[in-house]
Amino acid sequence: ADLGSSAMLAFDGDQHVGQLQFRRYKPNVRSPKGLWDPLYWADFASHAPGLPARTLAVFCYHVGQLDDTDARDPRYQGRGLGLSLLDHFLDWALQAGFAAVVAKAVPPYRPVMIFMGGQPASVYQTRGFETVANWVDPELRAIVTDRELIPDGVDPDDAARVSCCVRRLH
C-alpha cells in the first residue's frame, strides 16, 4: 500500500556493500538533526520543487559502508556500484508507474562524496535529471572544513554546494 522507507541493496557474496534508499517525496520534509538524520536527503527547504503525487525521493545512498560506522571500504569505490543501483532504481520506478524522482546531489569532490554518500549532479544529469536548484549547505561547509575533506585551494562553498535534481519519468 505504501513504500515506507525502501531500499535496493548491492552484495558481494553475503556482504552488504551498497544501498540506495528511497521513499515517497514530500516537499515539506525537514530534517530534525540536519546532516545527521536520514531525512536530510529529502529536506530541500525553500528549494523543494512542486512535483506530482507519485514522486520518489532518493535517501541514503552509500557504497562501501560495510557496518554501522561512517567508514567506507575503498575496494568498492569507483567500480560503478552506485551507478548500477541508480540505474536499477530508475528502471524499477519507471516500470512501477512513478511520475518522477527527486534527489539531493552532493558536491563533486571524492572525499565529500564518500563522507556524504550519493552522487554529484553531473551523474544525475547523465541519467536524465535536471538540476532545479543548488545552494551552499552551511552545516556541510563546516564539516568539510573541520574534517579537512578538501585540498588546499578548493573553495569550501563549492565543496558544500548541494543540488536538487529531478527526473520526470512520464
N, C-alpha and C. Protein backbone atom coordinates (compact mmCIF):
# COMPACT_ATOMS: atom_id res chain seq x y z
N ALA A 1 0.82 -1.19 0.00
CA ALA A 1 0.00 0.00 0.00
C ALA A 1 0.86 1.26 0.00
N ASP A 2 2.00 1.19 0.66
CA ASP A 2 2.89 2.33 0.69
C ASP A 2 4.31 1.81 0.80
N LEU A 3 5.24 2.62 0.36
CA LEU A 3 6.64 2.19 0.35
C LEU A 3 7.29 2.27 1.72
N GLY A 4 6.87 3.23 2.55
CA GLY A 4 7.64 3.48 3.77
C GLY A 4 9.03 3.90 3.34
N SER A 5 10.02 3.39 4.00
CA SER A 5 11.42 3.60 3.59
C SER A 5 11.88 2.29 2.99
N SER A 6 12.17 2.30 1.69
CA SER A 6 12.56 1.10 0.96
C SER A 6 13.99 1.25 0.47
N ALA A 7 14.57 0.14 0.03
CA ALA A 7 15.95 0.19 -0.43
C ALA A 7 16.22 -0.86 -1.48
N MET A 8 17.19 -0.55 -2.32
CA MET A 8 17.82 -1.52 -3.20
C MET A 8 19.23 -1.70 -2.68
N LEU A 9 19.65 -2.95 -2.57
CA LEU A 9 20.94 -3.27 -1.95
C LEU A 9 21.85 -3.97 -2.94
N ALA A 10 23.15 -3.77 -2.75
CA ALA A 10 24.17 -4.49 -3.52
C ALA A 10 24.96 -5.36 -2.56
N PHE A 11 25.26 -6.58 -2.99
CA PHE A 11 26.00 -7.52 -2.16
C PHE A 11 27.23 -8.03 -2.90
N ASP A 12 28.25 -8.33 -2.13
CA ASP A 12 29.43 -9.06 -2.61
C ASP A 12 29.41 -10.35 -1.81
N GLY A 13 28.91 -11.42 -2.43
CA GLY A 13 28.67 -12.65 -1.68
C GLY A 13 27.59 -12.37 -0.65
N ASP A 14 27.90 -12.63 0.61
CA ASP A 14 26.96 -12.37 1.70
C ASP A 14 27.11 -10.98 2.30
N GLN A 15 28.13 -10.23 1.86
CA GLN A 15 28.42 -8.92 2.45
C GLN A 15 27.65 -7.80 1.76
N HIS A 16 26.86 -7.07 2.52
CA HIS A 16 26.17 -5.89 2.01
C HIS A 16 27.23 -4.82 1.72
N VAL A 17 27.27 -4.30 0.48
CA VAL A 17 28.31 -3.33 0.11
C VAL A 17 27.76 -2.02 -0.44
N GLY A 18 26.45 -1.95 -0.64
CA GLY A 18 25.88 -0.70 -1.16
C GLY A 18 24.39 -0.66 -0.96
N GLN A 19 23.86 0.57 -0.89
CA GLN A 19 22.42 0.73 -0.73
C GLN A 19 21.97 2.03 -1.35
N LEU A 20 20.76 2.00 -1.86
CA LEU A 20 20.07 3.20 -2.32
C LEU A 20 18.69 3.15 -1.69
N GLN A 21 18.47 4.01 -0.70
CA GLN A 21 17.18 4.03 -0.02
C GLN A 21 16.30 5.10 -0.66
N PHE A 22 14.99 4.85 -0.63
CA PHE A 22 14.05 5.79 -1.23
C PHE A 22 12.72 5.71 -0.51
N ARG A 23 11.93 6.75 -0.70
CA ARG A 23 10.56 6.80 -0.17
C ARG A 23 9.78 7.83 -0.98
N ARG A 24 8.52 7.95 -0.69
CA ARG A 24 7.70 8.93 -1.39
C ARG A 24 8.20 10.34 -1.08
N TYR A 25 8.16 11.19 -2.08
CA TYR A 25 8.57 12.59 -1.92
C TYR A 25 7.49 13.39 -1.22
N LYS A 26 7.89 14.16 -0.22
CA LYS A 26 7.01 15.10 0.47
C LYS A 26 7.78 16.42 0.54
N PRO A 27 7.28 17.46 -0.12
CA PRO A 27 8.04 18.71 -0.21
C PRO A 27 8.25 19.42 1.12
N ASN A 28 7.49 19.07 2.15
CA ASN A 28 7.62 19.78 3.43
C ASN A 28 8.48 19.05 4.45
N VAL A 29 9.21 18.02 4.04
CA VAL A 29 10.06 17.27 4.96
C VAL A 29 11.20 18.17 5.46
N ARG A 30 11.46 18.12 6.77
CA ARG A 30 12.58 18.83 7.36
C ARG A 30 13.35 17.84 8.23
N SER A 31 14.64 17.90 8.19
CA SER A 31 15.49 17.02 8.97
C SER A 31 15.66 17.58 10.38
N PRO A 32 15.25 16.81 11.40
CA PRO A 32 15.34 17.33 12.77
C PRO A 32 16.77 17.44 13.29
N LYS A 33 17.70 16.73 12.67
CA LYS A 33 19.10 16.75 13.13
C LYS A 33 20.03 17.17 12.00
N GLY A 34 19.52 17.91 11.04
CA GLY A 34 20.36 18.37 9.94
C GLY A 34 20.99 17.21 9.18
N LEU A 35 22.27 17.34 8.94
CA LEU A 35 23.02 16.37 8.16
C LEU A 35 23.08 14.99 8.81
N TRP A 36 22.83 14.91 10.10
CA TRP A 36 22.99 13.67 10.85
C TRP A 36 21.70 12.87 10.95
N ASP A 37 20.75 13.15 10.12
CA ASP A 37 19.48 12.42 10.12
C ASP A 37 19.17 12.01 8.69
N PRO A 38 18.65 10.80 8.47
CA PRO A 38 18.32 10.37 7.11
C PRO A 38 17.36 11.31 6.38
N LEU A 39 16.53 12.04 7.11
CA LEU A 39 15.60 12.96 6.47
C LEU A 39 16.33 14.11 5.76
N TYR A 40 17.61 14.29 6.05
CA TYR A 40 18.40 15.33 5.39
C TYR A 40 18.28 15.21 3.87
N TRP A 41 18.25 13.97 3.38
CA TRP A 41 18.28 13.73 1.94
C TRP A 41 17.01 14.17 1.24
N ALA A 42 15.93 14.35 1.98
CA ALA A 42 14.67 14.80 1.37
C ALA A 42 14.31 16.20 1.83
N ASP A 43 15.21 16.84 2.56
CA ASP A 43 14.98 18.19 3.08
C ASP A 43 15.56 19.19 2.07
N PHE A 44 14.67 19.72 1.23
CA PHE A 44 15.09 20.71 0.24
C PHE A 44 14.72 22.12 0.68
N ALA A 45 14.11 22.24 1.87
CA ALA A 45 13.72 23.54 2.46
C ALA A 45 13.03 24.40 1.41
N SER A 46 13.49 25.61 1.24
CA SER A 46 12.83 26.53 0.30
C SER A 46 13.08 26.16 -1.16
N HIS A 47 13.92 25.15 -1.40
CA HIS A 47 14.23 24.72 -2.76
C HIS A 47 13.37 23.54 -3.20
N ALA A 48 12.42 23.11 -2.36
CA ALA A 48 11.59 21.94 -2.67
C ALA A 48 10.72 22.22 -3.89
N PRO A 49 10.88 21.42 -4.93
CA PRO A 49 10.06 21.64 -6.13
C PRO A 49 8.67 21.06 -5.97
N GLY A 50 7.71 21.64 -6.68
CA GLY A 50 6.39 21.05 -6.76
C GLY A 50 6.43 19.92 -7.76
N LEU A 51 6.09 18.73 -7.32
CA LEU A 51 6.17 17.55 -8.19
C LEU A 51 4.89 16.73 -8.06
N PRO A 52 4.62 15.86 -9.04
CA PRO A 52 3.41 15.03 -8.99
C PRO A 52 3.38 14.15 -7.74
N ALA A 53 2.19 13.70 -7.40
CA ALA A 53 1.99 12.88 -6.20
C ALA A 53 2.82 11.60 -6.24
N ARG A 54 2.95 10.98 -7.39
CA ARG A 54 3.69 9.72 -7.49
C ARG A 54 5.17 9.98 -7.79
N THR A 55 5.81 10.71 -6.87
CA THR A 55 7.23 11.03 -6.98
C THR A 55 7.99 10.35 -5.86
N LEU A 56 9.16 9.84 -6.18
CA LEU A 56 10.03 9.21 -5.18
C LEU A 56 11.20 10.12 -4.88
N ALA A 57 11.68 10.05 -3.64
CA ALA A 57 12.88 10.78 -3.21
C ALA A 57 13.97 9.77 -2.88
N VAL A 58 15.17 10.00 -3.41
CA VAL A 58 16.33 9.17 -3.08
C VAL A 58 16.80 9.58 -1.69
N PHE A 59 17.04 8.60 -0.84
CA PHE A 59 17.52 8.87 0.52
C PHE A 59 18.96 8.41 0.63
N CYS A 60 19.30 7.77 1.73
CA CYS A 60 20.68 7.33 1.95
C CYS A 60 21.17 6.52 0.76
N TYR A 61 22.37 6.83 0.32
CA TYR A 61 22.90 6.25 -0.90
C TYR A 61 24.39 6.06 -0.67
N HIS A 62 24.78 4.85 -0.28
CA HIS A 62 26.18 4.61 0.10
C HIS A 62 26.73 3.38 -0.61
N VAL A 63 28.00 3.43 -0.91
CA VAL A 63 28.73 2.28 -1.43
C VAL A 63 29.97 2.10 -0.55
N GLY A 64 30.21 0.87 -0.14
CA GLY A 64 31.39 0.56 0.66
C GLY A 64 31.18 0.70 2.16
N GLN A 65 29.97 0.99 2.59
CA GLN A 65 29.67 1.07 4.02
C GLN A 65 29.32 -0.35 4.47
N LEU A 66 30.26 -1.00 5.15
CA LEU A 66 30.10 -2.40 5.48
C LEU A 66 29.54 -2.64 6.88
N ASP A 67 29.41 -1.56 7.65
CA ASP A 67 28.86 -1.68 9.01
C ASP A 67 28.15 -0.37 9.35
N ASP A 68 27.83 -0.19 10.62
CA ASP A 68 27.07 0.99 11.03
C ASP A 68 27.94 2.22 11.32
N THR A 69 29.18 2.20 10.89
CA THR A 69 30.07 3.35 11.11
C THR A 69 30.08 4.22 9.85
N ASP A 70 30.82 5.32 9.91
CA ASP A 70 30.98 6.19 8.75
C ASP A 70 32.08 5.70 7.81
N ALA A 71 32.77 4.62 8.18
CA ALA A 71 33.88 4.10 7.36
C ALA A 71 33.36 3.56 6.03
N ARG A 72 34.17 3.72 4.99
CA ARG A 72 33.86 3.19 3.66
C ARG A 72 35.03 2.35 3.20
N ASP A 73 34.74 1.18 2.71
CA ASP A 73 35.79 0.30 2.21
C ASP A 73 36.14 0.73 0.79
N PRO A 74 37.36 1.19 0.55
CA PRO A 74 37.73 1.71 -0.77
C PRO A 74 37.70 0.66 -1.88
N ARG A 75 37.68 -0.63 -1.53
CA ARG A 75 37.60 -1.66 -2.58
C ARG A 75 36.32 -1.57 -3.39
N TYR A 76 35.29 -0.92 -2.83
CA TYR A 76 34.01 -0.85 -3.51
C TYR A 76 33.76 0.52 -4.14
N GLN A 77 34.66 1.45 -3.95
CA GLN A 77 34.51 2.79 -4.51
C GLN A 77 35.00 2.82 -5.96
N GLY A 78 34.33 3.60 -6.79
CA GLY A 78 34.77 3.80 -8.17
C GLY A 78 34.61 2.60 -9.09
N ARG A 79 33.77 1.65 -8.72
CA ARG A 79 33.56 0.45 -9.53
C ARG A 79 32.22 0.44 -10.24
N GLY A 80 31.46 1.52 -10.10
CA GLY A 80 30.17 1.60 -10.77
C GLY A 80 29.01 1.01 -10.00
N LEU A 81 29.22 0.62 -8.75
CA LEU A 81 28.14 0.03 -7.96
C LEU A 81 27.03 1.04 -7.70
N GLY A 82 27.40 2.27 -7.36
CA GLY A 82 26.39 3.30 -7.12
C GLY A 82 25.60 3.61 -8.36
N LEU A 83 26.28 3.67 -9.51
CA LEU A 83 25.59 3.93 -10.78
C LEU A 83 24.65 2.79 -11.12
N SER A 84 25.08 1.58 -10.88
CA SER A 84 24.23 0.42 -11.14
C SER A 84 22.98 0.44 -10.26
N LEU A 85 23.15 0.77 -8.98
CA LEU A 85 22.00 0.88 -8.09
C LEU A 85 21.03 1.95 -8.60
N LEU A 86 21.57 3.09 -9.01
CA LEU A 86 20.72 4.18 -9.51
C LEU A 86 19.99 3.74 -10.78
N ASP A 87 20.69 3.09 -11.69
CA ASP A 87 20.05 2.64 -12.93
C ASP A 87 18.93 1.63 -12.66
N HIS A 88 19.19 0.67 -11.77
CA HIS A 88 18.15 -0.31 -11.44
C HIS A 88 16.96 0.36 -10.77
N PHE A 89 17.24 1.31 -9.88
CA PHE A 89 16.18 2.04 -9.21
C PHE A 89 15.32 2.80 -10.21
N LEU A 90 15.96 3.51 -11.15
CA LEU A 90 15.20 4.27 -12.14
C LEU A 90 14.37 3.36 -13.03
N ASP A 91 14.93 2.23 -13.43
CA ASP A 91 14.16 1.26 -14.23
C ASP A 91 12.95 0.77 -13.44
N TRP A 92 13.15 0.42 -12.18
CA TRP A 92 12.06 -0.06 -11.34
C TRP A 92 10.99 1.03 -11.19
N ALA A 93 11.40 2.27 -10.89
CA ALA A 93 10.45 3.37 -10.69
C ALA A 93 9.62 3.61 -11.95
N LEU A 94 10.24 3.54 -13.10
CA LEU A 94 9.53 3.71 -14.37
C LEU A 94 8.52 2.59 -14.58
N GLN A 95 8.95 1.35 -14.38
CA GLN A 95 8.07 0.19 -14.55
C GLN A 95 6.93 0.19 -13.54
N ALA A 96 7.17 0.72 -12.35
CA ALA A 96 6.16 0.75 -11.30
C ALA A 96 5.18 1.92 -11.47
N GLY A 97 5.40 2.76 -12.49
CA GLY A 97 4.46 3.82 -12.79
C GLY A 97 4.64 5.11 -12.01
N PHE A 98 5.80 5.32 -11.42
CA PHE A 98 6.03 6.58 -10.73
C PHE A 98 6.23 7.70 -11.74
N ALA A 99 5.88 8.91 -11.34
CA ALA A 99 5.90 10.06 -12.25
C ALA A 99 7.25 10.76 -12.30
N ALA A 100 7.98 10.73 -11.18
CA ALA A 100 9.24 11.47 -11.11
C ALA A 100 10.09 10.94 -9.97
N VAL A 101 11.36 11.33 -10.01
CA VAL A 101 12.31 11.03 -8.94
C VAL A 101 13.04 12.33 -8.62
N VAL A 102 13.24 12.60 -7.33
CA VAL A 102 13.99 13.77 -6.89
C VAL A 102 15.14 13.28 -6.02
N ALA A 103 16.30 13.92 -6.17
CA ALA A 103 17.48 13.52 -5.40
C ALA A 103 18.29 14.75 -5.01
N LYS A 104 18.91 14.67 -3.87
CA LYS A 104 19.84 15.72 -3.45
C LYS A 104 21.22 15.27 -3.91
N ALA A 105 21.82 16.05 -4.78
CA ALA A 105 23.16 15.74 -5.29
C ALA A 105 24.21 16.33 -4.36
N VAL A 106 25.32 15.63 -4.25
CA VAL A 106 26.42 16.05 -3.39
C VAL A 106 27.49 16.76 -4.22
N PRO A 107 28.37 17.50 -3.55
CA PRO A 107 29.46 18.15 -4.27
C PRO A 107 30.36 17.11 -4.96
N PRO A 108 30.98 17.48 -6.08
CA PRO A 108 31.74 16.51 -6.88
C PRO A 108 33.18 16.29 -6.42
N TYR A 109 33.42 16.28 -5.14
CA TYR A 109 34.75 16.01 -4.60
C TYR A 109 34.71 14.65 -3.92
N ARG A 110 35.56 13.72 -4.36
CA ARG A 110 35.51 12.32 -3.89
C ARG A 110 35.46 12.21 -2.37
N PRO A 111 36.31 12.90 -1.59
CA PRO A 111 36.21 12.74 -0.13
C PRO A 111 34.85 13.19 0.43
N VAL A 112 34.26 14.23 -0.16
CA VAL A 112 32.95 14.69 0.28
C VAL A 112 31.89 13.67 -0.13
N MET A 113 32.03 13.13 -1.35
CA MET A 113 31.09 12.10 -1.82
C MET A 113 31.12 10.87 -0.92
N ILE A 114 32.32 10.46 -0.52
CA ILE A 114 32.45 9.28 0.34
C ILE A 114 31.83 9.57 1.70
N PHE A 115 32.11 10.74 2.25
CA PHE A 115 31.54 11.11 3.55
C PHE A 115 30.01 11.17 3.48
N MET A 116 29.49 11.82 2.44
CA MET A 116 28.05 12.04 2.33
C MET A 116 27.30 10.82 1.81
N GLY A 117 27.88 10.11 0.87
CA GLY A 117 27.12 9.15 0.08
C GLY A 117 26.47 9.93 -1.05
N GLY A 118 25.87 9.28 -1.97
CA GLY A 118 25.20 9.99 -3.05
C GLY A 118 26.09 10.23 -4.25
N GLN A 119 25.55 10.96 -5.19
CA GLN A 119 26.22 11.24 -6.45
C GLN A 119 26.21 12.74 -6.71
N PRO A 120 27.17 13.23 -7.49
CA PRO A 120 27.13 14.65 -7.89
C PRO A 120 26.07 14.88 -8.96
N ALA A 121 25.70 16.14 -9.14
CA ALA A 121 24.66 16.49 -10.12
C ALA A 121 25.00 15.98 -11.52
N SER A 122 26.28 15.97 -11.88
CA SER A 122 26.67 15.53 -13.22
C SER A 122 26.25 14.09 -13.49
N VAL A 123 26.30 13.24 -12.48
CA VAL A 123 25.87 11.85 -12.65
C VAL A 123 24.36 11.79 -12.86
N TYR A 124 23.63 12.52 -12.04
CA TYR A 124 22.18 12.54 -12.23
C TYR A 124 21.82 13.08 -13.61
N GLN A 125 22.53 14.11 -14.06
CA GLN A 125 22.24 14.70 -15.38
C GLN A 125 22.45 13.68 -16.50
N THR A 126 23.44 12.80 -16.38
CA THR A 126 23.65 11.77 -17.42
C THR A 126 22.53 10.75 -17.44
N ARG A 127 21.73 10.72 -16.38
CA ARG A 127 20.58 9.80 -16.30
C ARG A 127 19.26 10.53 -16.49
N GLY A 128 19.29 11.70 -17.11
CA GLY A 128 18.07 12.40 -17.48
C GLY A 128 17.50 13.34 -16.43
N PHE A 129 18.23 13.59 -15.36
CA PHE A 129 17.77 14.53 -14.33
C PHE A 129 18.10 15.96 -14.76
N GLU A 130 17.30 16.88 -14.26
CA GLU A 130 17.53 18.31 -14.41
C GLU A 130 17.85 18.88 -13.04
N THR A 131 18.88 19.71 -12.96
CA THR A 131 19.19 20.40 -11.71
C THR A 131 18.26 21.60 -11.61
N VAL A 132 17.40 21.60 -10.60
CA VAL A 132 16.41 22.67 -10.46
C VAL A 132 16.81 23.71 -9.41
N ALA A 133 17.78 23.38 -8.56
CA ALA A 133 18.26 24.34 -7.56
C ALA A 133 19.59 23.85 -7.02
N ASN A 134 20.42 24.78 -6.59
CA ASN A 134 21.62 24.41 -5.84
C ASN A 134 21.90 25.51 -4.82
N TRP A 135 22.52 25.12 -3.73
CA TRP A 135 22.78 26.04 -2.63
C TRP A 135 23.91 25.51 -1.77
N VAL A 136 24.55 26.41 -1.04
CA VAL A 136 25.60 26.02 -0.10
C VAL A 136 24.92 25.61 1.21
N ASP A 137 25.23 24.41 1.66
CA ASP A 137 24.71 23.91 2.92
C ASP A 137 25.70 24.33 4.02
N PRO A 138 25.31 25.25 4.91
CA PRO A 138 26.24 25.75 5.92
C PRO A 138 26.78 24.67 6.86
N GLU A 139 25.94 23.69 7.20
CA GLU A 139 26.40 22.60 8.06
C GLU A 139 27.45 21.76 7.35
N LEU A 140 27.22 21.45 6.08
CA LEU A 140 28.19 20.69 5.31
C LEU A 140 29.49 21.49 5.15
N ARG A 141 29.36 22.80 4.94
CA ARG A 141 30.55 23.64 4.80
C ARG A 141 31.43 23.54 6.05
N ALA A 142 30.83 23.58 7.22
CA ALA A 142 31.59 23.47 8.47
C ALA A 142 32.27 22.10 8.57
N ILE A 143 31.57 21.05 8.19
CA ILE A 143 32.13 19.69 8.26
C ILE A 143 33.28 19.53 7.28
N VAL A 144 33.09 20.01 6.06
CA VAL A 144 34.12 19.89 5.02
C VAL A 144 35.40 20.59 5.48
N THR A 145 35.23 21.73 6.12
CA THR A 145 36.38 22.49 6.61
C THR A 145 36.99 21.83 7.83
N ASP A 146 36.17 21.49 8.83
CA ASP A 146 36.67 20.91 10.09
C ASP A 146 37.36 19.57 9.86
N ARG A 147 36.82 18.76 8.97
CA ARG A 147 37.39 17.42 8.72
C ARG A 147 38.44 17.43 7.61
N GLU A 148 38.71 18.61 7.07
CA GLU A 148 39.71 18.77 6.00
C GLU A 148 39.46 17.79 4.85
N LEU A 149 38.24 17.78 4.36
CA LEU A 149 37.86 16.87 3.28
C LEU A 149 38.23 17.37 1.89
N ILE A 150 38.72 18.60 1.81
CA ILE A 150 39.08 19.16 0.50
C ILE A 150 40.53 19.63 0.53
N PRO A 151 41.19 19.56 -0.61
CA PRO A 151 42.58 20.03 -0.65
C PRO A 151 42.66 21.55 -0.60
N ASP A 152 43.84 22.05 -0.27
CA ASP A 152 44.06 23.50 -0.30
C ASP A 152 43.71 24.04 -1.67
N GLY A 153 43.13 25.21 -1.68
CA GLY A 153 42.79 25.86 -2.94
C GLY A 153 41.37 25.62 -3.40
N VAL A 154 40.68 24.63 -2.81
CA VAL A 154 39.29 24.38 -3.17
C VAL A 154 38.42 25.27 -2.29
N ASP A 155 37.52 26.01 -2.90
CA ASP A 155 36.61 26.90 -2.19
C ASP A 155 35.66 26.05 -1.34
N PRO A 156 35.62 26.27 -0.02
CA PRO A 156 34.71 25.50 0.84
C PRO A 156 33.25 25.62 0.43
N ASP A 157 32.86 26.77 -0.14
CA ASP A 157 31.48 26.90 -0.61
C ASP A 157 31.21 25.93 -1.76
N ASP A 158 32.17 25.76 -2.67
CA ASP A 158 31.99 24.80 -3.77
C ASP A 158 31.90 23.37 -3.24
N ALA A 159 32.66 23.08 -2.20
CA ALA A 159 32.68 21.73 -1.63
C ALA A 159 31.47 21.46 -0.74
N ALA A 160 30.64 22.48 -0.52
CA ALA A 160 29.43 22.31 0.30
C ALA A 160 28.17 22.65 -0.49
N ARG A 161 28.29 22.73 -1.81
CA ARG A 161 27.15 23.08 -2.65
C ARG A 161 26.40 21.80 -3.02
N VAL A 162 25.16 21.70 -2.55
CA VAL A 162 24.30 20.57 -2.88
C VAL A 162 23.27 21.03 -3.90
N SER A 163 22.65 20.08 -4.57
CA SER A 163 21.69 20.40 -5.62
C SER A 163 20.44 19.55 -5.49
N CYS A 164 19.35 20.08 -5.98
CA CYS A 164 18.10 19.35 -6.10
C CYS A 164 17.98 18.95 -7.57
N CYS A 165 17.96 17.65 -7.81
CA CYS A 165 17.88 17.13 -9.17
C CYS A 165 16.57 16.36 -9.34
N VAL A 166 15.91 16.57 -10.47
CA VAL A 166 14.60 15.97 -10.73
C VAL A 166 14.61 15.28 -12.09
N ARG A 167 14.07 14.08 -12.10
CA ARG A 167 13.84 13.38 -13.37
C ARG A 167 12.36 13.03 -13.46
N ARG A 168 11.74 13.53 -14.49
CA ARG A 168 10.33 13.16 -14.76
C ARG A 168 10.34 11.88 -15.58
N LEU A 169 9.55 10.91 -15.14
CA LEU A 169 9.54 9.60 -15.76
C LEU A 169 8.42 9.45 -16.78
N HIS A 170 7.33 10.15 -16.60
CA HIS A 170 6.18 10.04 -17.52
C HIS A 170 5.74 11.43 -17.91
